[in-house]
Amino acid sequence: CVKQAMRAILTDQPMICTPRLMYMVTFMKSILPFEAVVCMYRFLGADK
């Protein structure tokens, strides 16, 4: 995490999510209905 953050800082990157899969989760949350997000969370085991 430190290595990725330092790389982002040194290259003036505005944002860094690690791992890259987090970008996809954030994108899915922004376009899917809430109930679909709940289903995705349950599939991943992220709900609890």
All heavy atoms as atom14 arrays in JSON, in Angstrom:
{
  "sequence": "CVKQAMRAILTDQPMICTPRLMYMVTFMKSILPFEAVVCMYRFLGADK",
  "atom14_mask": [
    [1, 1, 1, 1, 1, 1, 0, 0, 0, 0, 0, 0, 0, 0],
    [1, 1, 1, 1, 1, 1, 1, 0, 0, 0, 0, 0, 0, 0],
    [1, 1, 1, 1, 1, 1, 1, 1, 1, 0, 0, 0, 0, 0],
    [1, 1, 1, 1, 1, 1, 1, 1, 1, 0, 0, 0, 0, 0],
    [1, 1, 1, 1, 1, 0, 0, 0, 0, 0, 0, 0, 0, 0],
    [1, 1, 1, 1, 1, 1, 1, 1, 0, 0, 0, 0, 0, 0],
    [1, 1, 1, 1, 1, 1, 1, 1, 1, 1, 1, 0, 0, 0],
    [1, 1, 1, 1, 1, 0, 0, 0, 0, 0, 0, 0, 0, 0],
    [1, 1, 1, 1, 1, 1, 1, 1, 0, 0, 0, 0, 0, 0],
    [1, 1, 1, 1, 1, 1, 1, 1, 0, 0, 0, 0, 0, 0],
    [1, 1, 1, 1, 1, 1, 1, 0, 0, 0, 0, 0, 0, 0],
    [1, 1, 1, 1, 1, 1, 1, 1, 0, 0, 0, 0, 0, 0],
    [1, 1, 1, 1, 1, 1, 1, 1, 1, 0, 0, 0, 0, 0],
    [1, 1, 1, 1, 1, 1, 1, 0, 0, 0, 0, 0, 0, 0],
    [1, 1, 1, 1, 1, 1, 1, 1, 0, 0, 0, 0, 0, 0],
    [1, 1, 1, 1, 1, 1, 1, 1, 0, 0, 0, 0, 0, 0],
    [1, 1, 1, 1, 1, 1, 0, 0, 0, 0, 0, 0, 0, 0],
    [1, 1, 1, 1, 1, 1, 1, 0, 0, 0, 0, 0, 0, 0],
    [1, 1, 1, 1, 1, 1, 1, 0, 0, 0, 0, 0, 0, 0],
    [1, 1, 1, 1, 1, 1, 1, 1, 1, 1, 1, 0, 0, 0],
    [1, 1, 1, 1, 1, 1, 1, 1, 0, 0, 0, 0, 0, 0],
    [1, 1, 1, 1, 1, 1, 1, 1, 0, 0, 0, 0, 0, 0],
    [1, 1, 1, 1, 1, 1, 1, 1, 1, 1, 1, 1, 0, 0],
    [1, 1, 1, 1, 1, 1, 1, 1, 0, 0, 0, 0, 0, 0],
    [1, 1, 1, 1, 1, 1, 1, 0, 0, 0, 0, 0, 0, 0],
    [1, 1, 1, 1, 1, 1, 1, 0, 0, 0, 0, 0, 0, 0],
    [1, 1, 1, 1, 1, 1, 1, 1, 1, 1, 1, 0, 0, 0],
    [1, 1, 1, 1, 1, 1, 1, 1, 0, 0, 0, 0, 0, 0],
    [1, 1, 1, 1, 1, 1, 1, 1, 1, 0, 0, 0, 0, 0],
    [1, 1, 1, 1, 1, 1, 0, 0, 0, 0, 0, 0, 0, 0],
    [1, 1, 1, 1, 1, 1, 1, 1, 0, 0, 0, 0, 0, 0],
    [1, 1, 1, 1, 1, 1, 1, 1, 0, 0, 0, 0, 0, 0],
    [1, 1, 1, 1, 1, 1, 1, 0, 0, 0, 0, 0, 0, 0],
    [1, 1, 1, 1, 1, 1, 1, 1, 1, 1, 1, 0, 0, 0],
    [1, 1, 1, 1, 1, 1, 1, 1, 1, 0, 0, 0, 0, 0],
    [1, 1, 1, 1, 1, 0, 0, 0, 0, 0, 0, 0, 0, 0],
    [1, 1, 1, 1, 1, 1, 1, 0, 0, 0, 0, 0, 0, 0],
    [1, 1, 1, 1, 1, 1, 1, 0, 0, 0, 0, 0, 0, 0],
    [1, 1, 1, 1, 1, 1, 0, 0, 0, 0, 0, 0, 0, 0],
    [1, 1, 1, 1, 1, 1, 1, 1, 0, 0, 0, 0, 0, 0],
    [1, 1, 1, 1, 1, 1, 1, 1, 1, 1, 1, 1, 0, 0],
    [1, 1, 1, 1, 1, 1, 1, 1, 1, 1, 1, 0, 0, 0],
    [1, 1, 1, 1, 1, 1, 1, 1, 1, 1, 1, 0, 0, 0],
    [1, 1, 1, 1, 1, 1, 1, 1, 0, 0, 0, 0, 0, 0],
    [1, 1, 1, 1, 0, 0, 0, 0, 0, 0, 0, 0, 0, 0],
    [1, 1, 1, 1, 1, 0, 0, 0, 0, 0, 0, 0, 0, 0],
    [1, 1, 1, 1, 1, 1, 1, 1, 0, 0, 0, 0, 0, 0],
    [1, 1, 1, 1, 1, 1, 1, 1, 1, 0, 0, 0, 0, 0]
  ],
  "atom14_positions": [
    [[0.83, -1.21, 0.0], [0.0, 0.0, 0.0], [0.86, 1.26, 0.0], [0.57, 2.22, -0.71], [-0.93, 0.0, 1.22], [-2.2, -1.26, 1.14], [0.0, 0.0, 0.0], [0.0, 0.0, 0.0], [0.0, 0.0, 0.0], [0.0, 0.0, 0.0], [0.0, 0.0, 0.0], [0.0, 0.0, 0.0], [0.0, 0.0, 0.0], [0.0, 0.0, 0.0]],
    [[1.93, 1.24, 0.8], [2.84, 2.39, 0.84], [3.49, 2.6, -0.51], [3.6, 3.73, -1.0], [3.91, 2.19, 1.94], [4.98, 3.27, 1.84], [3.26, 2.21, 3.32], [0.0, 0.0, 0.0], [0.0, 0.0, 0.0], [0.0, 0.0, 0.0], [0.0, 0.0, 0.0], [0.0, 0.0, 0.0], [0.0, 0.0, 0.0], [0.0, 0.0, 0.0]],
    [[3.93, 1.51, -1.14], [4.58, 1.61, -2.45], [3.64, 2.2, -3.48], [4.02, 3.1, -4.26], [5.04, 0.22, -2.89], [5.8, 0.21, -4.22], [6.27, -1.2, -4.57], [6.99, -1.22, -5.9], [7.44, -2.6, -6.26], [0.0, 0.0, 0.0], [0.0, 0.0, 0.0], [0.0, 0.0, 0.0], [0.0, 0.0, 0.0], [0.0, 0.0, 0.0]],
    [[2.39, 1.73, -3.5], [1.41, 2.24, -4.45], [1.09, 3.71, -4.17], [0.96, 4.52, -5.1], [0.13, 1.41, -4.39], [0.29, -0.03, -4.86], [0.65, -0.12, -6.33], [1.81, -0.29, -6.68], [-0.33, 0.03, -7.19], [0.0, 0.0, 0.0], [0.0, 0.0, 0.0], [0.0, 0.0, 0.0], [0.0, 0.0, 0.0], [0.0, 0.0, 0.0]],
    [[0.96, 4.05, -2.89], [0.66, 5.43, -2.53], [1.81, 6.35, -2.9], [1.59, 7.45, -3.43], [0.36, 5.52, -1.04], [0.0, 0.0, 0.0], [0.0, 0.0, 0.0], [0.0, 0.0, 0.0], [0.0, 0.0, 0.0], [0.0, 0.0, 0.0], [0.0, 0.0, 0.0], [0.0, 0.0, 0.0], [0.0, 0.0, 0.0], [0.0, 0.0, 0.0]],
    [[3.04, 5.93, -2.63], [4.21, 6.75, -2.95], [4.34, 6.97, -4.45], [4.68, 8.08, -4.9], [5.48, 6.11, -2.4], [5.65, 6.26, -0.9], [5.68, 7.99, -0.37], [7.05, 8.63, -1.33], [0.0, 0.0, 0.0], [0.0, 0.0, 0.0], [0.0, 0.0, 0.0], [0.0, 0.0, 0.0], [0.0, 0.0, 0.0], [0.0, 0.0, 0.0]],
    [[4.05, 5.94, -5.21], [4.1, 6.08, -6.67], [3.08, 7.12, -7.14], [3.36, 7.95, -8.0], [3.84, 4.73, -7.33], [3.87, 4.77, -8.86], [3.65, 3.38, -9.43], [4.71, 2.46, -9.05], [4.67, 1.14, -9.26], [3.6, 0.61, -9.84], [5.67, 0.38, -8.91], [0.0, 0.0, 0.0], [0.0, 0.0, 0.0], [0.0, 0.0, 0.0]],
    [[1.88, 7.06, -6.55], [0.83, 8.01, -6.91], [1.22, 9.44, -6.53], [1.0, 10.39, -7.28], [-0.49, 7.63, -6.24], [0.0, 0.0, 0.0], [0.0, 0.0, 0.0], [0.0, 0.0, 0.0], [0.0, 0.0, 0.0], [0.0, 0.0, 0.0], [0.0, 0.0, 0.0], [0.0, 0.0, 0.0], [0.0, 0.0, 0.0], [0.0, 0.0, 0.0]],
    [[1.81, 9.59, -5.34], [2.23, 10.92, -4.88], [3.33, 11.5, -5.77], [3.27, 12.66, -6.19], [2.71, 10.85, -3.41], [1.53, 10.49, -2.49], [3.34, 12.17, -2.97], [1.95, 10.07, -1.1], [0.0, 0.0, 0.0], [0.0, 0.0, 0.0], [0.0, 0.0, 0.0], [0.0, 0.0, 0.0], [0.0, 0.0, 0.0], [0.0, 0.0, 0.0]],
    [[4.32, 10.68, -6.07], [5.46, 11.15, -6.86], [5.09, 11.47, -8.31], [5.79, 12.24, -8.97], [6.59, 10.11, -6.82], [7.24, 9.91, -5.45], [8.21, 8.73, -5.48], [7.97, 11.17, -4.99], [0.0, 0.0, 0.0], [0.0, 0.0, 0.0], [0.0, 0.0, 0.0], [0.0, 0.0, 0.0], [0.0, 0.0, 0.0], [0.0, 0.0, 0.0]],
    [[4.01, 10.87, -8.79], [3.56, 11.14, -10.16], [2.35, 12.08, -10.18], [1.7, 12.22, -11.22], [3.22, 9.83, -10.89], [2.22, 9.12, -10.14], [4.45, 8.96, -11.05], [0.0, 0.0, 0.0], [0.0, 0.0, 0.0], [0.0, 0.0, 0.0], [0.0, 0.0, 0.0], [0.0, 0.0, 0.0], [0.0, 0.0, 0.0], [0.0, 0.0, 0.0]],
    [[2.05, 12.7, -9.05], [0.94, 13.66, -8.93], [-0.39, 13.05, -9.36], [-1.23, 13.7, -9.99], [1.22, 14.93, -9.75], [2.43, 15.68, -9.23], [2.73, 15.58, -8.03], [3.09, 16.36, -10.04], [0.0, 0.0, 0.0], [0.0, 0.0, 0.0], [0.0, 0.0, 0.0], [0.0, 0.0, 0.0], [0.0, 0.0, 0.0], [0.0, 0.0, 0.0]],
    [[-0.59, 11.78, -9.01], [-1.84, 11.11, -9.36], [-2.93, 11.58, -8.4], [-2.75, 11.52, -7.18], [-1.66, 9.59, -9.25], [-2.81, 8.77, -9.79], [-2.47, 7.29, -9.84], [-1.3, 6.92, -10.01], [-3.47, 6.44, -9.69], [0.0, 0.0, 0.0], [0.0, 0.0, 0.0], [0.0, 0.0, 0.0], [0.0, 0.0, 0.0], [0.0, 0.0, 0.0]],
    [[-4.07, 12.04, -8.9], [-5.11, 12.58, -8.01], [-5.73, 11.55, -7.08], [-6.17, 11.87, -5.98], [-6.17, 13.12, -8.98], [-5.45, 13.3, -10.28], [-4.41, 12.22, -10.31], [0.0, 0.0, 0.0], [0.0, 0.0, 0.0], [0.0, 0.0, 0.0], [0.0, 0.0, 0.0], [0.0, 0.0, 0.0], [0.0, 0.0, 0.0], [0.0, 0.0, 0.0]],
    [[-5.78, 10.27, -7.51], [-6.44, 9.24, -6.71], [-5.83, 7.89, -6.99], [-5.45, 7.59, -8.13], [-7.95, 9.22, -7.02], [-8.73, 8.18, -6.24], [-10.48, 8.26, -6.72], [-11.17, 7.0, -5.63], [0.0, 0.0, 0.0], [0.0, 0.0, 0.0], [0.0, 0.0, 0.0], [0.0, 0.0, 0.0], [0.0, 0.0, 0.0], [0.0, 0.0, 0.0]],
    [[-5.74, 7.06, -5.96], [-5.25, 5.7, -6.13], [-6.09, 4.76, -5.28], [-6.25, 4.96, -4.08], [-3.75, 5.58, -5.76], [-3.27, 4.13, -5.83], [-3.47, 6.16, -4.38], [-3.14, 3.59, -7.23], [0.0, 0.0, 0.0], [0.0, 0.0, 0.0], [0.0, 0.0, 0.0], [0.0, 0.0, 0.0], [0.0, 0.0, 0.0], [0.0, 0.0, 0.0]],
    [[-6.69, 3.75, -5.93], [-7.42, 2.7, -5.23], [-6.62, 1.4, -5.35], [-6.16, 1.07, -6.45], [-8.81, 2.49, -5.84], [-9.97, 3.81, -5.53], [0.0, 0.0, 0.0], [0.0, 0.0, 0.0], [0.0, 0.0, 0.0], [0.0, 0.0, 0.0], [0.0, 0.0, 0.0], [0.0, 0.0, 0.0], [0.0, 0.0, 0.0], [0.0, 0.0, 0.0]],
    [[-6.46, 0.71, -4.25], [-5.74, -0.57, -4.28], [-6.59, -1.64, -3.62], [-7.15, -1.4, -2.54], [-4.39, -0.47, -3.55], [-4.6, 0.11, -2.26], [-3.41, 0.36, -4.32], [0.0, 0.0, 0.0], [0.0, 0.0, 0.0], [0.0, 0.0, 0.0], [0.0, 0.0, 0.0], [0.0, 0.0, 0.0], [0.0, 0.0, 0.0], [0.0, 0.0, 0.0]],
    [[-6.7, -2.82, -4.25], [-6.27, -3.14, -5.61], [-7.19, -2.48, -6.63], [-8.19, -1.87, -6.26], [-6.37, -4.66, -5.66], [-7.5, -4.97, -4.72], [-7.37, -3.98, -3.61], [0.0, 0.0, 0.0], [0.0, 0.0, 0.0], [0.0, 0.0, 0.0], [0.0, 0.0, 0.0], [0.0, 0.0, 0.0], [0.0, 0.0, 0.0], [0.0, 0.0, 0.0]],
    [[-6.88, -2.65, -7.9], [-7.64, -1.98, -8.96], [-9.09, -2.42, -9.0], [-9.96, -1.7, -9.5], [-6.98, -2.22, -10.32], [-5.63, -1.53, -10.47], [-5.07, -1.72, -11.87], [-3.77, -1.08, -12.01], [-3.6, 0.2, -12.31], [-4.66, 0.97, -12.5], [-2.39, 0.72, -12.44], [0.0, 0.0, 0.0], [0.0, 0.0, 0.0], [0.0, 0.0, 0.0]],
    [[-9.37, -3.59, -8.45], [-10.75, -4.08, -8.42], [-11.66, -3.09, -7.7], [-12.87, -3.04, -7.97], [-10.8, -5.45, -7.73], [-12.17, -6.1, -7.6], [-12.79, -6.35, -8.97], [-12.07, -7.41, -6.81], [0.0, 0.0, 0.0], [0.0, 0.0, 0.0], [0.0, 0.0, 0.0], [0.0, 0.0, 0.0], [0.0, 0.0, 0.0], [0.0, 0.0, 0.0]],
    [[-11.1, -2.29, -6.78], [-11.91, -1.33, -6.03], [-12.54, -0.28, -6.95], [-13.61, 0.24, -6.66], [-11.07, -0.65, -4.96], [-10.59, -1.57, -3.85], [-11.94, -2.39, -2.96], [-11.86, -4.04, -3.66], [0.0, 0.0, 0.0], [0.0, 0.0, 0.0], [0.0, 0.0, 0.0], [0.0, 0.0, 0.0], [0.0, 0.0, 0.0], [0.0, 0.0, 0.0]],
    [[-11.86, 0.04, -8.05], [-12.45, 0.96, -9.02], [-13.73, 0.37, -9.59], [-14.74, 1.06, -9.76], [-11.47, 1.23, -10.17], [-10.26, 2.04, -9.81], [-9.0, 1.46, -9.77], [-10.36, 3.4, -9.52], [-7.87, 2.2, -9.46], [-9.24, 4.15, -9.21], [-7.99, 3.54, -9.18], [-6.88, 4.28, -8.87], [0.0, 0.0, 0.0], [0.0, 0.0, 0.0]],
    [[-13.71, -0.93, -9.88], [-14.87, -1.6, -10.46], [-16.03, -1.64, -9.47], [-17.19, -1.38, -9.84], [-14.49, -3.03, -10.89], [-15.64, -3.8, -11.52], [-16.32, -3.01, -13.0], [-14.93, -3.2, -14.13], [0.0, 0.0, 0.0], [0.0, 0.0, 0.0], [0.0, 0.0, 0.0], [0.0, 0.0, 0.0], [0.0, 0.0, 0.0], [0.0, 0.0, 0.0]],
    [[-15.72, -1.94, -8.19], [-16.78, -1.99, -7.18], [-17.42, -0.61, -7.04], [-18.65, -0.48, -6.95], [-16.22, -2.47, -5.84], [-17.3, -2.45, -4.76], [-15.65, -3.88, -5.97], [0.0, 0.0, 0.0], [0.0, 0.0, 0.0], [0.0, 0.0, 0.0], [0.0, 0.0, 0.0], [0.0, 0.0, 0.0], [0.0, 0.0, 0.0], [0.0, 0.0, 0.0]],
    [[-16.6, 0.43, -7.02], [-17.11, 1.79, -6.9], [-17.97, 2.15, -8.11], [-19.04, 2.77, -7.96], [-15.94, 2.79, -6.8], [-15.11, 2.43, -5.69], [-16.44, 4.21, -6.59], [0.0, 0.0, 0.0], [0.0, 0.0, 0.0], [0.0, 0.0, 0.0], [0.0, 0.0, 0.0], [0.0, 0.0, 0.0], [0.0, 0.0, 0.0], [0.0, 0.0, 0.0]],
    [[-17.52, 1.76, -9.29], [-18.28, 2.03, -10.51], [-19.62, 1.3, -10.49], [-20.66, 1.88, -10.81], [-17.47, 1.62, -11.73], [-18.19, 1.77, -13.03], [-18.48, 3.02, -13.55], [-18.61, 0.65, -13.74], [-19.16, 3.17, -14.75], [-19.29, 0.78, -14.94], [-19.57, 2.04, -15.45], [0.0, 0.0, 0.0], [0.0, 0.0, 0.0], [0.0, 0.0, 0.0]],
    [[-19.61, 0.03, -10.1], [-20.84, -0.76, -10.06], [-21.82, -0.17, -9.07], [-23.02, -0.1, -9.31], [-20.52, -2.21, -9.69], [-19.65, -2.94, -10.7], [-20.45, -3.13, -12.31], [-21.61, -4.43, -11.96], [0.0, 0.0, 0.0], [0.0, 0.0, 0.0], [0.0, 0.0, 0.0], [0.0, 0.0, 0.0], [0.0, 0.0, 0.0], [0.0, 0.0, 0.0]],
    [[-21.3, 0.3, -7.93], [-22.18, 0.88, -6.91], [-22.85, 2.15, -7.43], [-23.99, 2.47, -7.07], [-21.37, 1.2, -5.66], [-22.2, 1.77, -4.52], [-21.46, 2.87, -3.79], [-22.38, 3.62, -2.85], [-21.75, 4.78, -2.24], [0.0, 0.0, 0.0], [0.0, 0.0, 0.0], [0.0, 0.0, 0.0], [0.0, 0.0, 0.0], [0.0, 0.0, 0.0]],
    [[-22.16, 2.88, -8.29], [-22.69, 4.16, -8.78], [-23.74, 3.98, -9.87], [-24.54, 4.89, -10.11], [-21.55, 5.04, -9.3], [-20.95, 4.48, -10.45], [0.0, 0.0, 0.0], [0.0, 0.0, 0.0], [0.0, 0.0, 0.0], [0.0, 0.0, 0.0], [0.0, 0.0, 0.0], [0.0, 0.0, 0.0], [0.0, 0.0, 0.0], [0.0, 0.0, 0.0]],
    [[-23.78, 2.82, -10.54], [-24.72, 2.64, -11.65], [-25.82, 1.63, -11.36], [-26.86, 1.67, -12.01], [-23.99, 2.24, -12.95], [-23.31, 0.87, -12.8], [-22.97, 3.3, -13.34], [-22.76, 0.32, -14.1], [0.0, 0.0, 0.0], [0.0, 0.0, 0.0], [0.0, 0.0, 0.0], [0.0, 0.0, 0.0], [0.0, 0.0, 0.0], [0.0, 0.0, 0.0]],
    [[-25.59, 0.75, -10.38], [-26.59, -0.28, -10.1], [-27.63, 0.21, -9.1], [-27.31, 1.02, -8.23], [-25.91, -1.54, -9.55], [-25.03, -2.34, -10.5], [-24.37, -3.49, -9.76], [-25.85, -2.87, -11.68], [0.0, 0.0, 0.0], [0.0, 0.0, 0.0], [0.0, 0.0, 0.0], [0.0, 0.0, 0.0], [0.0, 0.0, 0.0], [0.0, 0.0, 0.0]],
    [[-28.85, -0.29, -9.17], [-29.84, -0.01, -8.12], [-29.36, -0.58, -6.79], [-28.56, -1.52, -6.76], [-31.1, -0.74, -8.61], [-30.87, -1.02, -10.05], [-29.4, -1.14, -10.24], [0.0, 0.0, 0.0], [0.0, 0.0, 0.0], [0.0, 0.0, 0.0], [0.0, 0.0, 0.0], [0.0, 0.0, 0.0], [0.0, 0.0, 0.0], [0.0, 0.0, 0.0]],
    [[-29.86, -0.01, -5.69], [-29.38, -0.42, -4.37], [-29.57, -1.91, -4.13], [-28.68, -2.58, -3.59], [-30.11, 0.38, -3.27], [-29.68, 0.0, -1.89], [-28.43, 0.39, -1.39], [-30.51, -0.76, -1.07], [-28.03, 0.03, -0.12], [-30.11, -1.12, 0.21], [-28.86, -0.72, 0.69], [0.0, 0.0, 0.0], [0.0, 0.0, 0.0], [0.0, 0.0, 0.0]],
    [[-30.72, -2.46, -4.53], [-30.97, -3.88, -4.29], [-29.98, -4.76, -5.06], [-29.61, -5.85, -4.62], [-32.42, -4.25, -4.67], [-33.45, -3.66, -3.72], [-33.24, -4.09, -2.28], [-32.76, -5.22, -2.05], [-33.54, -3.29, -1.37], [0.0, 0.0, 0.0], [0.0, 0.0, 0.0], [0.0, 0.0, 0.0], [0.0, 0.0, 0.0], [0.0, 0.0, 0.0]],
    [[-29.56, -4.28, -6.24], [-28.55, -5.03, -7.01], [-27.2, -4.99, -6.3], [-26.45, -5.97, -6.3], [-28.44, -4.45, -8.41], [0.0, 0.0, 0.0], [0.0, 0.0, 0.0], [0.0, 0.0, 0.0], [0.0, 0.0, 0.0], [0.0, 0.0, 0.0], [0.0, 0.0, 0.0], [0.0, 0.0, 0.0], [0.0, 0.0, 0.0], [0.0, 0.0, 0.0]],
    [[-26.89, -3.84, -5.69], [-25.65, -3.72, -4.92], [-25.68, -4.67, -3.73], [-24.69, -5.33, -3.41], [-25.45, -2.27, -4.44], [-24.25, -2.17, -3.51], [-25.27, -1.34, -5.63], [0.0, 0.0, 0.0], [0.0, 0.0, 0.0], [0.0, 0.0, 0.0], [0.0, 0.0, 0.0], [0.0, 0.0, 0.0], [0.0, 0.0, 0.0], [0.0, 0.0, 0.0]],
    [[-26.84, -4.78, -3.08], [-26.99, -5.71, -1.96], [-26.72, -7.14, -2.42], [-26.01, -7.9, -1.75], [-28.41, -5.6, -1.35], [-28.64, -6.71, -0.33], [-28.62, -4.24, -0.7], [0.0, 0.0, 0.0], [0.0, 0.0, 0.0], [0.0, 0.0, 0.0], [0.0, 0.0, 0.0], [0.0, 0.0, 0.0], [0.0, 0.0, 0.0], [0.0, 0.0, 0.0]],
    [[-27.24, -7.51, -3.57], [-27.0, -8.85, -4.12], [-25.52, -9.07, -4.4], [-24.98, -10.16, -4.12], [-27.82, -9.06, -5.4], [-29.6, -9.16, -5.14], [0.0, 0.0, 0.0], [0.0, 0.0, 0.0], [0.0, 0.0, 0.0], [0.0, 0.0, 0.0], [0.0, 0.0, 0.0], [0.0, 0.0, 0.0], [0.0, 0.0, 0.0], [0.0, 0.0, 0.0]],
    [[-24.86, -8.06, -4.95], [-23.43, -8.16, -5.23], [-22.65, -8.34, -3.93], [-21.74, -9.17, -3.85], [-22.94, -6.9, -5.96], [-21.45, -6.89, -6.26], [-20.92, -5.44, -7.19], [-21.14, -4.14, -5.96], [0.0, 0.0, 0.0], [0.0, 0.0, 0.0], [0.0, 0.0, 0.0], [0.0, 0.0, 0.0], [0.0, 0.0, 0.0], [0.0, 0.0, 0.0]],
    [[-23.0, -7.55, -2.91], [-22.34, -7.66, -1.6], [-22.52, -9.07, -1.03], [-21.57, -9.66, -0.49], [-22.93, -6.63, -0.63], [-22.27, -5.27, -0.67], [-21.82, -4.73, -1.87], [-22.11, -4.52, 0.48], [-21.23, -3.49, -1.91], [-21.53, -3.26, 0.45], [-21.09, -2.76, -0.75], [-20.51, -1.52, -0.8], [0.0, 0.0, 0.0], [0.0, 0.0, 0.0]],
    [[-23.74, -9.58, -1.13], [-24.0, -10.92, -0.58], [-23.22, -11.99, -1.32], [-22.73, -12.95, -0.71], [-25.51, -11.21, -0.63], [-26.29, -10.43, 0.41], [-27.79, -10.65, 0.28], [-28.51, -9.94, 1.34], [-29.82, -9.77, 1.36], [-30.57, -10.26, 0.38], [-30.39, -9.11, 2.36], [0.0, 0.0, 0.0], [0.0, 0.0, 0.0], [0.0, 0.0, 0.0]],
    [[-23.09, -11.83, -2.62], [-22.31, -12.8, -3.4], [-20.85, -12.78, -2.97], [-20.21, -13.83, -2.84], [-22.41, -12.48, -4.9], [-21.51, -13.32, -5.75], [-21.84, -14.64, -6.03], [-20.33, -12.8, -6.27], [-20.99, -15.43, -6.82], [-19.49, -13.58, -7.04], [-19.82, -14.9, -7.32], [0.0, 0.0, 0.0], [0.0, 0.0, 0.0], [0.0, 0.0, 0.0]],
    [[-20.31, -11.59, -2.73], [-18.91, -11.46, -2.32], [-18.7, -11.77, -0.83], [-17.56, -11.95, -0.4], [-18.42, -10.03, -2.6], [-18.37, -9.6, -4.07], [-18.03, -8.12, -4.17], [-17.34, -10.42, -4.84], [0.0, 0.0, 0.0], [0.0, 0.0, 0.0], [0.0, 0.0, 0.0], [0.0, 0.0, 0.0], [0.0, 0.0, 0.0], [0.0, 0.0, 0.0]],
    [[-19.81, -11.8, -0.09], [-19.67, -11.97, 1.36], [-19.26, -10.69, 2.04], [-18.77, -10.69, 3.17], [0.0, 0.0, 0.0], [0.0, 0.0, 0.0], [0.0, 0.0, 0.0], [0.0, 0.0, 0.0], [0.0, 0.0, 0.0], [0.0, 0.0, 0.0], [0.0, 0.0, 0.0], [0.0, 0.0, 0.0], [0.0, 0.0, 0.0], [0.0, 0.0, 0.0]],
    [[-19.48, -9.56, 1.34], [-19.07, -8.26, 1.88], [-20.15, -7.61, 2.71], [-19.89, -6.62, 3.39], [-18.69, -7.32, 0.73], [0.0, 0.0, 0.0], [0.0, 0.0, 0.0], [0.0, 0.0, 0.0], [0.0, 0.0, 0.0], [0.0, 0.0, 0.0], [0.0, 0.0, 0.0], [0.0, 0.0, 0.0], [0.0, 0.0, 0.0], [0.0, 0.0, 0.0]],
    [[-21.37, -8.17, 2.68], [-22.47, -7.54, 3.4], [-22.28, -7.6, 4.91], [-22.6, -6.66, 5.63], [-23.81, -8.17, 2.99], [-23.83, -9.68, 3.2], [-22.76, -10.3, 3.14], [-24.93, -10.23, 3.42], [0.0, 0.0, 0.0], [0.0, 0.0, 0.0], [0.0, 0.0, 0.0], [0.0, 0.0, 0.0], [0.0, 0.0, 0.0], [0.0, 0.0, 0.0]],
    [[-21.73, -8.71, 5.41], [-21.51, -8.88, 6.84], [-20.04, -9.18, 7.15], [-19.73, -9.82, 8.15], [-22.39, -10.0, 7.39], [-23.89, -9.73, 7.26], [-24.7, -10.87, 7.84], [-26.2, -10.6, 7.7], [-27.02, -11.72, 8.24], [0.0, 0.0, 0.0], [0.0, 0.0, 0.0], [0.0, 0.0, 0.0], [0.0, 0.0, 0.0], [0.0, 0.0, 0.0]]
  ]
}
